[in-house]
Amino acid sequence: MKLPRIDSDKMLHILKKKGFIVVRQSGSHMIMRNDEGIRITLPCHSGKILHPKIVKRIMEDAELSEEDL
């Protein structure tokens, strides 16, 4: 499975559509949570593409599919 190359702004938009909200921010990392209590840490470095391993981990934790991206 080849993951799409996306930046943190796009991932933030996708997670918000899936019901995640920003709970707090620690430096350049946003801590997000949904109603089920699932917590996601999203690194936010403006203009930089997220590493594929980070995208894969966020997809697993947030139960996202490739279609969601």
Protein backbone atom coordinates (compact mmCIF):
# COMPACT_ATOMS: atom_id res chain seq x y z
CA MET A 1 0.00 0.00 0.00
CA LYS A 2 1.53 3.30 -1.09
CA LEU A 3 0.38 6.17 1.07
CA PRO A 4 -0.28 9.62 -0.36
CA ARG A 5 2.19 12.39 0.49
CA ILE A 6 0.27 14.95 2.52
CA ASP A 7 1.17 17.81 4.82
CA SER A 8 -0.07 18.47 8.34
CA ASP A 9 -2.68 21.04 7.20
CA LYS A 10 -4.40 18.44 4.99
CA MET A 11 -4.23 15.80 7.77
CA LEU A 12 -5.69 18.31 10.24
CA HIS A 13 -8.60 18.95 7.87
CA ILE A 14 -9.22 15.19 7.45
CA LEU A 15 -9.13 14.55 11.20
CA LYS A 16 -11.52 17.43 11.91
CA LYS A 17 -13.97 15.99 9.34
CA LYS A 18 -13.77 12.67 11.22
CA GLY A 19 -14.77 14.32 14.51
CA PHE A 20 -11.40 15.05 16.11
CA ILE A 21 -10.89 18.37 17.89
CA VAL A 22 -7.69 20.06 19.03
CA VAL A 23 -7.46 19.65 22.80
CA ARG A 24 -4.11 21.38 23.28
CA GLN A 25 -0.84 22.13 21.57
CA SER A 26 2.64 21.36 22.84
CA GLY A 27 5.21 23.19 20.75
CA SER A 28 4.74 22.10 17.15
CA HIS A 29 2.53 19.12 18.02
CA MET A 30 -1.28 19.28 18.18
CA ILE A 31 -2.98 16.87 20.54
CA MET A 32 -6.39 15.89 19.15
CA ARG A 33 -9.19 13.78 20.61
CA ASN A 34 -12.56 12.52 19.42
CA ASP A 35 -15.77 11.62 21.29
CA GLU A 36 -14.60 8.03 21.78
CA GLY A 37 -11.47 9.23 23.60
CA ILE A 38 -9.02 8.28 20.85
CA ARG A 39 -6.01 10.60 21.05
CA ILE A 40 -3.87 11.61 18.07
CA THR A 41 -0.65 13.61 18.11
CA LEU A 42 -0.18 15.56 14.89
CA PRO A 43 3.19 17.22 14.18
CA CYS A 44 2.53 20.62 12.58
CA HIS A 45 5.53 21.88 10.64
CA SER A 46 4.25 24.37 8.09
CA GLY A 47 4.81 23.37 4.48
CA LYS A 48 6.53 20.06 5.28
CA ILE A 49 5.23 16.70 4.10
CA LEU A 50 4.47 14.17 6.85
CA HIS A 51 6.66 11.09 6.87
CA PRO A 52 4.79 8.02 5.53
CA LYS A 53 5.28 6.18 8.86
CA ILE A 54 3.57 9.04 10.70
CA VAL A 55 0.70 9.05 8.19
CA LYS A 56 0.31 5.27 8.58
CA ARG A 57 0.30 5.48 12.39
CA ILE A 58 -2.29 8.30 12.41
CA MET A 59 -4.46 6.29 9.98
CA GLU A 60 -4.29 3.23 12.27
CA ASP A 61 -4.98 5.21 15.45
CA ALA A 62 -7.83 7.25 13.94
CA GLU A 63 -9.23 4.24 12.03
CA LEU A 64 -8.93 6.05 8.69
CA SER A 65 -8.97 4.30 5.34
CA GLU A 66 -7.14 5.24 2.15
CA GLU A 67 -10.41 6.63 0.79
CA ASP A 68 -10.53 9.10 3.69
CA LEU A 69 -7.27 10.62 2.49
